[in-house]
Amino acid sequence: MRELRVHKVTVNIGVGESGDKLVKAETLLQRITGVKPVRTIAKVTEPTFSIRKKQQIGVKVTLRKANAEDFIKKALVAAGRKVKPTSFDAQGGFSFGVKECLELPGFRYDPQIGVFGFDVCVDLERPGYRVKRRSLKNAKVGKTHMITKEDAMEFAKNRLGVEISGEA
């Protein structure tokens, strides 16, 4: 019950505008992950960036189980297998970015789409975490069963082969 596992991986491309660029990012994300992406919308109006509230400005995909682990391994190769310690949060998750999709192994450039970078957010859990998500008789997860930042860093080092740069 103490073993860590990947609960989900969220891949996000923020474009900042709707239109042709958003459609290209959506096509790219579907090609990279093999899953149909969902469009994200702006929550607030930001006039300096010409963004209106409820405007579609990005795309995201959530991967689970075997697809998630496979994608993490590919994305880590593209990111140079390095993650900063500040990228880990207190609840057992970590995030990193890939500057260009061309760095993914086995991905070929398509001039119709172009080049985009993306963010990868990894959420870790232990068996038994379902008790806080279920609808009937949900309960809290005990303090000793929660994942700490150190647990997540250890998992990333041992299971995913990540080098944590800037470590003391």
Protein backbone atom coordinates (compact mmCIF):
# COMPACT_ATOMS: atom_id res chain seq x y z
CA MET A 1 0.00 0.00 0.00
CA ARG A 2 3.00 2.33 0.32
CA GLU A 3 4.09 1.95 -3.31
CA LEU A 4 3.75 5.09 -5.44
CA ARG A 5 2.19 5.09 -8.89
CA VAL A 6 1.29 7.60 -11.58
CA HIS A 7 -2.35 8.63 -11.21
CA LYS A 8 -2.57 10.91 -14.25
CA VAL A 9 -0.53 13.05 -16.61
CA THR A 10 -1.88 16.32 -18.00
CA VAL A 11 -0.29 17.72 -21.16
CA ASN A 12 -1.04 21.38 -21.91
CA ILE A 13 -0.32 23.75 -24.79
CA GLY A 14 -1.20 27.37 -24.10
CA VAL A 15 -1.49 29.37 -27.32
CA GLY A 16 -2.99 32.61 -25.99
CA GLU A 17 -5.36 33.14 -28.91
CA SER A 18 -8.07 31.33 -30.77
CA GLY A 19 -8.15 30.65 -34.49
CA ASP A 20 -5.73 28.87 -36.79
CA LYS A 21 -2.91 28.67 -34.24
CA LEU A 22 -5.20 26.92 -31.73
CA VAL A 23 -6.33 24.37 -34.34
CA LYS A 24 -2.68 23.60 -35.17
CA ALA A 25 -1.85 23.13 -31.48
CA GLU A 26 -4.86 20.83 -31.12
CA THR A 27 -3.71 18.72 -34.09
CA LEU A 28 -0.17 18.54 -32.71
CA LEU A 29 -1.31 17.46 -29.25
CA GLN A 30 -3.51 14.75 -30.71
CA ARG A 31 -0.61 13.51 -32.83
CA ILE A 32 1.79 13.45 -29.86
CA THR A 33 -0.52 11.73 -27.34
CA GLY A 34 -2.99 9.81 -29.51
CA VAL A 35 -5.92 11.24 -27.50
CA LYS A 36 -8.41 13.93 -28.58
CA PRO A 37 -7.59 17.17 -26.74
CA VAL A 38 -10.02 19.46 -24.91
CA ARG A 39 -9.91 23.22 -25.42
CA THR A 40 -9.27 25.46 -22.40
CA ILE A 41 -10.89 28.85 -21.93
CA ALA A 42 -9.73 32.11 -20.37
CA LYS A 43 -11.14 32.77 -16.90
CA VAL A 44 -10.55 36.52 -16.89
CA THR A 45 -10.20 39.34 -19.42
CA GLU A 46 -6.61 40.49 -19.93
CA PRO A 47 -6.57 43.53 -22.26
CA THR A 48 -2.75 43.77 -22.43
CA PHE A 49 -2.66 40.36 -24.14
CA SER A 50 -5.94 40.86 -26.08
CA ILE A 51 -7.60 37.97 -24.22
CA ARG A 52 -11.31 38.08 -23.43
CA LYS A 53 -13.11 36.08 -20.76
CA LYS A 54 -14.42 32.70 -22.05
CA GLN A 55 -12.19 32.85 -25.14
CA GLN A 56 -10.55 29.55 -26.14
CA ILE A 57 -6.79 29.98 -25.62
CA GLY A 58 -5.26 26.51 -25.22
CA VAL A 59 -5.64 22.74 -25.40
CA LYS A 60 -4.99 19.94 -22.90
CA VAL A 61 -5.07 16.15 -22.64
CA THR A 62 -5.27 13.92 -19.57
CA LEU A 63 -3.54 10.53 -19.81
CA ARG A 64 -3.92 7.67 -17.34
CA LYS A 65 -2.42 4.21 -16.67
CA ALA A 66 0.01 2.78 -19.27
CA ASN A 67 -0.42 5.70 -21.70
CA ALA A 68 0.65 8.10 -18.95
CA GLU A 69 3.84 6.22 -18.05
CA ASP A 70 4.85 5.84 -21.72
CA PHE A 71 4.31 9.52 -22.41
CA ILE A 72 6.26 10.60 -19.30
CA LYS A 73 9.27 8.60 -20.43
CA LYS A 74 9.19 10.19 -23.91
CA ALA A 75 8.68 13.69 -22.53
CA LEU A 76 11.50 13.31 -20.01
CA VAL A 77 13.90 12.37 -22.82
CA ALA A 78 12.85 15.58 -24.61
CA ALA A 79 13.37 17.59 -21.40
CA GLY A 80 16.86 16.16 -20.89
CA ARG A 81 15.79 13.98 -17.92
CA LYS A 82 16.29 16.98 -15.61
CA VAL A 83 13.68 18.44 -13.27
CA LYS A 84 14.24 21.22 -10.75
CA PRO A 85 13.41 20.57 -7.07
CA THR A 86 11.07 23.57 -7.16
CA SER A 87 8.96 21.71 -9.75
CA PHE A 88 7.76 19.28 -7.07
CA ASP A 89 4.77 20.22 -4.92
CA ALA A 90 3.85 19.17 -1.38
CA GLN A 91 1.08 16.77 -2.49
CA GLY A 92 3.23 14.47 -4.63
CA GLY A 93 3.10 16.00 -8.06
CA PHE A 94 5.65 17.56 -10.36
CA SER A 95 5.71 19.51 -13.60
CA PHE A 96 8.18 20.22 -16.35
CA GLY A 97 8.16 21.80 -19.78
CA VAL A 98 9.36 20.76 -23.21
CA LYS A 99 10.49 23.73 -25.31
CA GLU A 100 9.87 22.14 -28.72
CA CYS A 101 7.87 19.12 -29.78
CA LEU A 102 10.68 18.23 -32.18
CA GLU A 103 12.73 17.00 -29.22
CA LEU A 104 10.33 14.08 -28.64
CA PRO A 105 11.85 10.78 -29.83
CA GLY A 106 10.25 9.55 -33.05
CA PHE A 107 8.39 12.81 -33.80
CA ARG A 108 8.78 14.29 -37.27
CA TYR A 109 8.38 17.94 -38.21
CA ASP A 110 5.26 18.88 -40.16
CA PRO A 111 5.42 22.32 -41.85
CA GLN A 112 1.59 22.48 -41.90
CA ILE A 113 1.51 22.49 -38.08
CA GLY A 114 4.73 24.18 -36.99
CA VAL A 115 6.55 23.95 -33.66
CA PHE A 116 5.00 24.29 -30.21
CA GLY A 117 6.23 23.70 -26.69
CA PHE A 118 4.12 22.07 -23.99
CA ASP A 119 3.85 21.54 -20.25
CA VAL A 120 3.61 18.14 -18.57
CA CYS A 121 2.05 17.80 -15.10
CA VAL A 122 2.41 14.45 -13.32
CA ASP A 123 0.11 13.51 -10.42
CA LEU A 124 1.26 10.66 -8.15
CA GLU A 125 -0.79 8.59 -5.70
CA ARG A 126 -0.71 5.50 -3.50
CA PRO A 127 -3.24 2.66 -3.49
CA GLY A 128 -6.14 3.69 -1.27
CA TYR A 129 -6.41 7.28 -2.51
CA ARG A 130 -9.74 6.43 -4.10
CA VAL A 131 -11.45 6.82 -0.69
CA LYS A 132 -11.22 10.61 -0.97
CA ARG A 133 -12.59 10.71 -4.57
CA ARG A 134 -15.46 8.22 -4.40
CA SER A 135 -19.00 9.54 -4.13
CA LEU A 136 -20.32 7.13 -1.48
CA LYS A 137 -18.70 7.11 1.96
CA ASN A 138 -15.73 9.26 0.97
CA ALA A 139 -13.14 9.79 3.70
CA LYS A 140 -9.86 11.53 4.35
CA VAL A 141 -6.54 9.91 3.56
CA GLY A 142 -4.40 9.54 6.66
CA LYS A 143 -1.46 11.82 7.26
CA THR A 144 1.08 8.98 7.15
CA HIS A 145 -0.34 7.75 3.83
CA MET A 146 -0.02 11.14 2.09
CA ILE A 147 2.80 11.68 -0.40
CA THR A 148 5.51 14.17 0.54
CA LYS A 149 7.80 16.14 -1.73
CA GLU A 150 10.70 13.85 -0.81
CA ASP A 151 8.66 10.73 -1.69
CA ALA A 152 7.84 12.19 -5.11
CA MET A 153 11.48 13.12 -5.74
CA GLU A 154 12.60 9.61 -4.80
CA PHE A 155 9.99 8.07 -7.13
CA ALA A 156 11.11 10.31 -10.01
CA LYS A 157 14.77 9.36 -9.46
CA ASN A 158 14.29 5.61 -9.09
CA ARG A 159 11.34 4.76 -11.35
CA LEU A 160 11.62 7.41 -14.06
CA GLY A 161 15.39 8.00 -14.09
CA VAL A 162 15.10 11.74 -13.48
CA GLU A 163 18.10 13.80 -12.45
CA ILE A 164 17.03 16.47 -9.97
CA SER A 165 19.23 19.46 -10.74
CA GLY A 166 20.07 22.05 -8.12
CA GLU A 167 19.93 19.51 -5.28
CA ALA A 168 21.82 20.20 -2.05
